[in-house]
Protein backbone atom coordinates (compact mmCIF):
# COMPACT_ATOMS: atom_id res chain seq x y z
CA MET A 1 6.98 -41.62 -2.19
CA PRO A 2 4.74 -41.93 0.90
CA CYS A 3 5.47 -40.03 4.10
CA HIS A 4 5.67 -42.18 7.22
CA SER A 5 5.55 -40.37 10.56
CA ILE A 6 4.84 -41.36 14.12
CA LEU A 7 3.75 -37.78 14.83
CA PRO A 8 0.04 -36.91 14.84
CA GLN A 9 -1.14 -35.23 11.63
CA ASP A 10 -2.53 -32.28 13.60
CA LEU A 11 0.90 -31.64 15.09
CA ILE A 12 2.57 -31.83 11.67
CA PHE A 13 0.00 -29.35 10.35
CA GLU A 14 0.67 -26.97 13.25
CA VAL A 15 4.45 -27.13 12.90
CA LEU A 16 4.45 -26.67 9.13
CA SER A 17 2.03 -23.73 9.30
CA ARG A 18 4.61 -21.76 11.30
CA LEU A 19 7.45 -22.17 8.79
CA PRO A 20 8.48 -19.48 6.28
CA VAL A 21 7.33 -19.82 2.68
CA LYS A 22 10.84 -20.55 1.41
CA SER A 23 11.03 -23.66 3.62
CA LEU A 24 7.52 -24.79 2.67
CA LEU A 25 8.31 -24.62 -1.05
CA ARG A 26 11.20 -27.03 -0.47
CA LEU A 27 9.09 -29.33 1.72
CA LYS A 28 6.53 -29.66 -1.09
CA THR A 29 9.04 -31.93 -2.83
CA VAL A 30 9.40 -34.36 0.11
CA CYS A 31 6.31 -36.43 -0.71
CA ARG A 32 2.89 -36.23 -2.32
CA HIS A 33 1.13 -36.02 1.04
CA TRP A 34 3.04 -32.89 2.07
CA LEU A 35 2.56 -31.39 -1.39
CA ASP A 36 -1.22 -31.81 -1.07
CA LEU A 37 -1.20 -30.56 2.52
CA ILE A 38 0.82 -27.40 1.86
CA SER A 39 -1.20 -26.68 -1.30
CA SER A 40 -4.59 -27.01 0.43
CA SER A 41 -6.73 -23.92 0.96
CA ASN A 42 -7.07 -24.70 4.68
CA PHE A 43 -3.30 -24.81 5.17
CA ILE A 44 -2.73 -21.64 3.10
CA ALA A 45 -5.31 -19.75 5.19
CA THR A 46 -3.84 -21.01 8.48
CA HIS A 47 -0.31 -20.12 7.41
CA LEU A 48 -1.45 -16.64 6.38
CA GLY A 49 -3.02 -16.11 9.81
CA GLN A 50 0.32 -16.93 11.44
CA SER A 51 2.22 -14.69 9.01
CA ASN A 52 -0.04 -11.67 9.52
CA CYS A 53 1.06 -11.57 13.16
CA THR A 54 4.60 -10.65 12.03
CA SER A 55 4.03 -8.27 9.11
CA SER A 56 6.76 -6.10 7.59
CA LEU A 57 6.86 -2.97 5.43
CA LEU A 58 7.42 -3.13 1.68
CA LEU A 59 8.88 0.12 0.33
CA THR A 60 9.50 1.60 -3.10
CA PHE A 61 12.70 3.59 -3.47
CA GLN A 62 14.49 5.78 -5.99
CA GLY A 63 18.26 5.86 -6.38
CA ARG A 64 21.03 6.88 -8.75
CA TYR A 65 23.34 4.51 -10.62
CA ARG A 66 25.83 5.85 -13.18
CA GLU A 67 23.81 9.05 -13.61
CA ALA A 68 20.58 7.14 -14.27
CA THR A 69 17.55 7.03 -12.02
CA THR A 70 16.80 3.56 -10.69
CA TYR A 71 13.73 2.24 -8.91
CA GLY A 72 13.27 -0.76 -6.70
CA ILE A 73 11.51 -2.35 -3.74
CA SER A 74 12.93 -3.10 -0.31
CA LEU A 75 11.51 -4.99 2.67
CA LEU A 76 11.88 -3.59 6.19
CA ASP A 77 12.32 -6.82 8.12
CA ASP A 78 9.95 -7.38 11.05
CA GLU A 79 12.65 -8.52 13.46
CA LEU A 80 15.93 -6.86 12.44
CA ALA A 81 14.71 -3.39 11.37
CA MET A 82 17.03 -3.69 8.37
CA LEU A 83 16.23 -3.15 4.70
CA LYS A 84 16.39 -6.14 2.37
CA HIS A 85 16.42 -5.33 -1.33
CA GLN A 86 13.97 -7.42 -3.37
CA ASP A 87 14.98 -8.86 -6.75
CA LEU A 88 12.11 -8.10 -9.12
CA PRO A 89 11.21 -10.71 -11.77
CA PHE A 90 9.61 -8.01 -13.95
CA GLN A 91 10.39 -4.50 -15.15
CA ALA A 92 8.72 -1.46 -16.67
CA LYS A 93 8.04 -1.75 -20.39
CA LYS A 94 9.41 1.70 -21.22
CA ARG A 95 12.66 3.16 -19.95
CA GLY A 96 11.93 6.04 -17.59
CA ASP A 97 8.50 4.86 -16.45
CA ILE A 98 8.01 5.14 -12.70
CA PHE A 99 6.58 2.03 -11.10
CA SER A 100 4.81 2.21 -7.79
CA ILE A 101 3.19 -0.03 -5.20
CA VAL A 102 -0.59 0.12 -5.57
CA GLY A 103 -1.25 -1.93 -2.45
CA CYS A 104 -0.25 -4.97 -0.36
CA CYS A 105 -2.68 -7.51 1.00
CA ASN A 106 -2.34 -11.10 2.27
CA GLY A 107 1.15 -11.45 0.81
CA LEU A 108 0.06 -10.24 -2.63
CA VAL A 109 1.51 -6.98 -3.94
CA CYS A 110 -0.11 -4.99 -6.75
CA ILE A 111 2.37 -2.86 -8.70
CA SER A 112 1.83 -0.33 -11.48
CA LEU A 113 4.63 -0.54 -14.07
CA GLU A 114 3.67 2.46 -16.20
CA ASP A 115 3.03 6.12 -15.49
CA ASP A 116 -0.57 5.89 -16.73
CA GLY A 117 -1.24 2.64 -14.89
CA ALA A 118 -2.01 0.68 -18.06
CA ASP A 119 0.24 -2.21 -16.99
CA CYS A 120 -0.17 -3.72 -13.53
CA VAL A 121 1.12 -6.95 -12.03
CA ILE A 122 0.08 -9.03 -9.05
CA TRP A 123 3.26 -10.29 -7.36
CA ASN A 124 3.93 -12.69 -4.50
CA PRO A 125 7.49 -11.91 -3.32
CA ALA A 126 7.67 -15.09 -1.21
CA THR A 127 6.75 -17.57 -3.97
CA ARG A 128 8.21 -15.39 -6.77
CA GLN A 129 4.99 -15.74 -8.77
CA TYR A 130 3.76 -12.73 -10.74
CA TRP A 131 0.95 -12.17 -13.20
CA HIS A 132 0.31 -9.30 -15.61
CA MET A 133 -3.28 -8.14 -15.27
CA PRO A 134 -5.40 -7.58 -18.39
CA ALA A 135 -5.65 -4.03 -19.69
CA PRO A 136 -8.27 -1.88 -17.90
CA LEU A 137 -11.45 -0.76 -19.65
CA ILE A 138 -11.28 3.01 -19.15
CA PRO A 139 -8.80 4.76 -21.47
CA VAL A 140 -6.62 7.68 -20.43
CA VAL A 141 -5.53 10.79 -22.33
CA PRO A 142 -1.86 11.63 -21.62
CA ASN A 143 -1.42 14.83 -19.57
CA HIS A 144 -5.18 15.14 -19.07
CA CYS A 145 -5.85 12.43 -16.49
CA PHE A 146 -5.14 11.40 -12.93
CA VAL A 147 -5.16 7.64 -12.31
CA ARG A 148 -5.48 6.46 -8.72
CA TRP A 149 -5.64 2.91 -7.39
CA GLY A 150 -6.66 0.87 -4.39
CA PHE A 151 -5.94 -2.83 -3.79
CA GLY A 152 -7.37 -4.87 -0.96
CA PHE A 153 -9.31 -7.84 0.37
CA HIS A 154 -12.77 -8.21 1.86
CA PRO A 155 -12.97 -11.00 4.48
CA GLU A 156 -16.71 -11.65 4.10
CA THR A 157 -16.67 -12.08 0.31
CA ASN A 158 -13.16 -13.62 0.33
CA GLU A 159 -12.26 -11.51 -2.70
CA HIS A 160 -9.15 -9.54 -3.65
CA LYS A 161 -10.11 -6.47 -5.67
CA LEU A 162 -8.40 -3.56 -7.39
CA LEU A 163 -10.20 -0.22 -7.65
CA ARG A 164 -9.13 2.12 -10.47
CA ILE A 165 -10.19 5.78 -10.47
CA VAL A 166 -9.67 7.78 -13.67
CA GLN A 167 -10.10 11.52 -13.35
CA SER A 168 -10.02 13.24 -16.74
CA PHE A 169 -10.23 17.00 -17.23
CA ASP A 170 -11.00 19.04 -20.33
CA GLN A 171 -8.31 19.79 -22.88
CA GLU A 172 -9.33 23.39 -23.42
CA LYS A 173 -7.10 26.19 -22.13
CA HIS A 174 -9.03 27.13 -19.01
CA VAL A 175 -7.42 28.65 -15.96
CA PHE A 176 -6.34 25.62 -13.91
CA PRO A 177 -8.70 26.02 -10.91
CA ARG A 178 -11.68 26.29 -13.29
CA ARG A 179 -11.07 23.07 -15.19
CA LYS A 180 -14.03 20.79 -15.72
CA TYR A 181 -13.45 17.16 -14.86
CA MET A 182 -15.09 13.75 -15.08
CA LEU A 183 -14.68 10.76 -12.75
CA ARG A 184 -14.96 7.17 -13.92
CA THR A 185 -14.27 4.08 -11.83
CA GLU A 186 -13.77 0.40 -12.52
CA ILE A 187 -12.96 -2.64 -10.44
CA PHE A 188 -10.93 -5.77 -11.07
CA THR A 189 -11.76 -9.00 -9.21
CA LEU A 190 -8.87 -11.43 -8.93
CA SER A 191 -11.06 -14.54 -8.67
CA THR A 192 -12.66 -13.86 -12.08
CA GLY A 193 -9.77 -12.02 -13.77
CA LEU A 194 -12.20 -9.44 -15.16
CA TRP A 195 -12.64 -5.65 -15.13
CA ARG A 196 -16.05 -3.97 -14.89
CA GLU A 197 -17.05 -0.33 -14.60
CA ILE A 198 -18.94 0.85 -11.50
CA ASN A 199 -20.68 4.09 -10.51
CA GLY A 200 -21.40 6.06 -7.37
CA ILE A 201 -18.19 7.95 -6.61
CA PRO A 202 -18.97 11.40 -5.09
CA PRO A 203 -17.52 14.57 -6.67
CA CYS A 204 -13.89 15.05 -5.62
CA ILE A 205 -10.38 15.78 -6.87
CA CYS A 206 -7.99 12.82 -6.49
CA GLN A 207 -4.65 14.63 -6.51
CA ASP A 208 -3.06 12.78 -3.58
CA ARG A 209 -0.60 10.13 -4.82
CA SER A 210 -0.42 8.10 -1.61
CA ILE A 211 -1.35 4.42 -1.47
CA ALA A 212 -5.00 3.85 -0.55
CA VAL A 213 -5.20 2.44 2.99
CA ALA A 214 -7.30 -0.72 3.36
CA VAL A 215 -8.72 -1.52 6.81
CA LYS A 216 -11.21 -4.34 7.44
CA GLY A 217 -12.27 -4.59 3.81
CA VAL A 218 -12.64 -0.84 3.20
CA GLN A 219 -10.23 1.31 1.17
CA HIS A 220 -9.58 4.91 2.18
CA ARG A 221 -7.81 7.82 0.50
CA ILE A 222 -7.54 11.60 0.99
CA VAL A 223 -9.29 13.66 -1.71
CA ASN A 224 -9.93 17.37 -2.21
CA LYS A 225 -13.28 19.09 -2.61
CA GLY A 226 -11.87 21.32 -5.35
CA TRP A 227 -8.71 21.97 -7.34
CA SER A 228 -7.25 24.07 -4.53
CA ARG A 229 -6.37 22.64 -1.11
CA SER A 230 -8.05 25.69 0.41
CA ASN A 231 -11.40 24.14 -0.57
CA GLY A 232 -10.81 21.46 2.04
CA GLY A 233 -10.92 17.70 1.70
CA PHE A 234 -12.34 14.49 3.07
CA VAL A 235 -11.61 10.77 3.23
CA LEU A 236 -13.08 8.86 0.29
CA SER A 237 -13.95 5.31 1.40
CA PHE A 238 -14.81 2.31 -0.74
CA ASP A 239 -16.29 -0.88 0.72
CA MET A 240 -14.88 -3.81 -1.29
CA GLY A 241 -17.78 -6.03 -0.22
CA THR A 242 -20.76 -3.85 -1.13
CA GLU A 243 -18.75 -1.82 -3.71
CA GLN A 244 -20.23 1.40 -2.33
CA PHE A 245 -18.46 4.74 -1.86
CA SER A 246 -18.84 6.92 1.23
CA LYS A 247 -17.32 10.07 2.77
CA ILE A 248 -15.57 10.59 6.11
CA GLU A 249 -14.87 14.12 7.30
CA VAL A 250 -11.36 14.89 8.55
CA PRO A 251 -10.80 15.44 12.30
CA PRO A 252 -11.84 18.84 13.75
CA ASN A 253 -9.47 21.74 13.00
CA CYS A 254 -7.48 19.54 10.62
CA GLY A 255 -8.65 20.99 7.32
CA HIS A 256 -7.53 24.50 6.34
CA ASN A 257 -3.74 24.98 6.09
CA LYS A 258 -3.23 21.38 7.20
CA ARG A 259 -1.82 18.32 5.47
CA GLN A 260 -2.96 14.75 6.12
CA LYS A 261 -1.67 11.24 5.48
CA LEU A 262 -3.59 8.03 6.10
CA LEU A 263 -1.99 4.97 7.69
CA PRO A 264 -3.17 1.62 9.07
CA PHE A 265 -2.49 1.52 12.82
CA ARG A 266 -3.37 -1.47 15.02
CA GLN A 267 -6.18 -2.53 12.66
CA LEU A 268 -7.66 0.98 12.70
CA LEU A 269 -7.66 3.80 10.17
CA ALA A 270 -5.18 6.44 11.34
CA MET A 271 -4.34 9.93 10.12
CA LEU A 272 -1.19 11.99 10.57
CA VAL A 273 -1.94 15.73 10.54
CA TRP A 274 0.58 18.56 10.33
CA THR A 275 0.64 22.28 9.56
CA ALA A 276 1.76 23.13 6.02
CA GLY A 277 5.42 24.13 6.00
CA PHE A 278 6.14 22.65 9.45
CA GLN A 279 6.61 18.96 8.73
CA SER A 280 8.64 18.05 11.80
CA ILE A 281 5.81 17.34 14.25
CA PHE A 282 2.53 15.48 13.64
CA ASP A 283 -0.74 14.76 15.41
CA MET A 284 -1.86 11.12 15.22
CA TRP A 285 -5.62 10.48 15.02
CA THR A 286 -7.48 7.16 14.75
CA MET A 287 -11.02 6.38 13.58
CA LYS A 288 -13.04 4.25 16.00
CA ASN A 289 -16.82 3.88 16.27
CA ASP A 290 -17.29 6.41 13.45
CA SER A 291 -15.41 9.21 15.23
CA TRP A 292 -11.84 10.52 15.32
CA THR A 293 -9.74 10.39 18.49
CA LYS A 294 -6.40 12.13 18.90
CA LEU A 295 -3.89 9.59 20.25
CA PHE A 296 -0.51 11.31 20.56
CA VAL A 297 2.07 13.58 18.95
CA VAL A 298 4.73 12.16 16.62
CA GLY A 299 8.05 14.02 16.87
CA PRO A 300 9.39 16.60 16.96
CA PHE A 301 12.15 15.72 14.51
CA PRO A 302 15.31 17.82 14.02
CA LYS A 303 14.44 18.36 10.34
CA PRO A 304 11.33 18.07 8.13
CA VAL A 305 10.33 14.48 7.41
CA PHE A 306 7.90 12.59 5.19
CA ALA A 307 5.90 9.79 6.84
CA ILE A 308 6.03 6.47 4.96
CA GLY A 309 4.27 3.86 7.07
CA VAL A 310 3.81 2.05 10.38
CA TRP A 311 6.22 -0.74 11.34
CA ARG A 312 5.28 -3.51 13.80
CA ASN A 313 2.14 -1.58 14.81
CA CYS A 314 4.11 0.75 17.08
CA GLU A 315 6.81 2.67 15.17
CA ILE A 316 6.34 5.36 12.52
CA LEU A 317 8.78 5.15 9.58
CA VAL A 318 9.80 8.55 8.19
CA CYS A 319 12.21 9.84 5.55
CA PRO A 320 14.07 13.15 6.10
CA ALA A 321 13.04 15.87 3.64
CA ILE A 322 14.44 19.20 2.50
CA LYS A 323 11.28 21.18 1.84
CA GLU A 324 7.59 20.75 1.20
CA GLU A 325 6.00 21.55 -2.15
CA GLU A 326 2.30 21.99 -2.85
CA ASP A 327 1.67 18.32 -3.61
CA ASP A 328 4.94 16.60 -2.81
CA MET A 329 8.09 16.55 -0.72
CA THR A 330 11.67 17.08 -1.83
CA LEU A 331 13.34 14.16 -0.10
CA HIS A 332 16.81 14.25 1.41
CA ASN A 333 19.57 11.73 0.73
CA ASP A 334 19.63 10.46 4.30
CA ARG A 335 18.76 7.40 6.37
CA LEU A 336 15.23 6.38 7.25
CA LEU A 337 14.10 7.00 10.82
CA LEU A 338 11.82 5.00 13.13
CA PHE A 339 9.84 6.90 15.79
CA GLY A 340 8.61 4.75 18.69
CA THR A 341 5.03 5.66 19.58
CA LEU A 342 5.49 4.07 23.01
CA THR A 343 9.10 5.01 23.79
CA LYS A 344 9.12 8.41 21.99
CA VAL A 345 12.65 7.50 20.84
CA THR A 346 13.87 8.03 17.26
CA ARG A 347 16.43 5.66 15.72
CA GLU A 348 18.04 5.22 12.31
CA VAL A 349 17.36 2.29 9.98
CA PRO A 350 20.69 0.70 8.92
CA ASN A 351 21.63 0.56 5.22
CA SER A 352 18.77 2.84 4.18
CA LYS A 353 20.67 5.69 2.51
CA VAL A 354 19.27 6.14 -1.00
CA GLN A 355 18.00 9.18 -2.83
CA SER A 356 14.41 8.84 -1.68
CA PHE A 357 11.69 6.48 -0.53
CA HIS A 358 8.18 6.91 -1.88
CA GLU A 359 5.57 4.71 -0.25
CA GLY A 360 5.26 1.74 2.06
CA GLY A 361 2.69 -1.02 2.37
CA THR A 362 2.16 -3.59 5.11
CA TYR A 363 3.38 -6.98 3.91
CA ALA A 364 3.13 -10.52 5.29
CA GLU A 365 4.41 -13.70 3.62
CA SER A 366 1.82 -16.04 2.14
CA LEU A 367 1.35 -19.01 -0.19
CA LEU A 368 -1.56 -17.38 -2.04
CA SER A 369 -1.54 -17.72 -5.80
CA VAL A 370 -1.40 -14.62 -7.99
CA TYR A 371 -3.46 -16.22 -10.72
CA PRO A 372 -7.24 -15.74 -11.20
CA GLY A 373 -9.49 -18.50 -9.93
CA PHE A 374 -7.10 -19.86 -7.28
């Protein structure tokens, strides 16, 4: 059925590119012309550019239902500051496996469905498409490996890539700090649907479980120089265009007896720094022109909190915590809090009372396909 309109085609394009994905999926059925228009790469890119201006936070959570632990994903809406639970079209293969968000980019969400990361999916929450990735190349030995991930997009190569770091340590009964270890890395390119092993990662210990932060085509994560935090750490960076690793030192006086968490903040790499055992006030640093600058102080909060992410480029989302462990936080069954970096005011997020929230990634709706080659 042809579409007849007295409106200019440029105006139709502009209006449609500002609509939510749910509406566009319905409009695809109006006529063949609109189907071709909405499916075109030019329209998808334009729509994504509009959507990125109003990004939200996608969060993993843990709850209890009839004495069983449940896991899920919620969206912190960009306008209402309310949590919206997401119905997942997939589930973990084994009961008890903990799934986690690996990364969010351009409306695509990469999720690990197994503890060892052997099963990952690429999911578009807006279109409801999902695709199980092929098995990675590097095997893991249960209880003798760390597996860390990083998912992102490089604008110059126009490629979505997934970095997988496998850190295996010997199975002999050494004292823990003296364990020998080996690092292997591989990368998955969505356009080809293939894994390949790469080299060049510097010596480090990848104990931190946080999502790798991708800024302008470069992934970043906190790593340690040795098994003990007292050895200090640095930021391990990976350029998804050149596929090269590099090191960034932490800000001055932010190493010994300090904890760090990376966040994206106004298109810059940011770091929250706090003193171990005093997780109620944070220093916020940003990386610009290859140097760290201290911006402001986040908090203080009335109780210890765990930082999850940045909402609308100006508010820090935190979850109240009971106490800090060596590598984790014991999270409190309480509401999420938003700290305004401009107003310095803290407010509660409605309907956010579950057992704990784990990680958050910046999310924007898109029409991008999850399948290789599209």
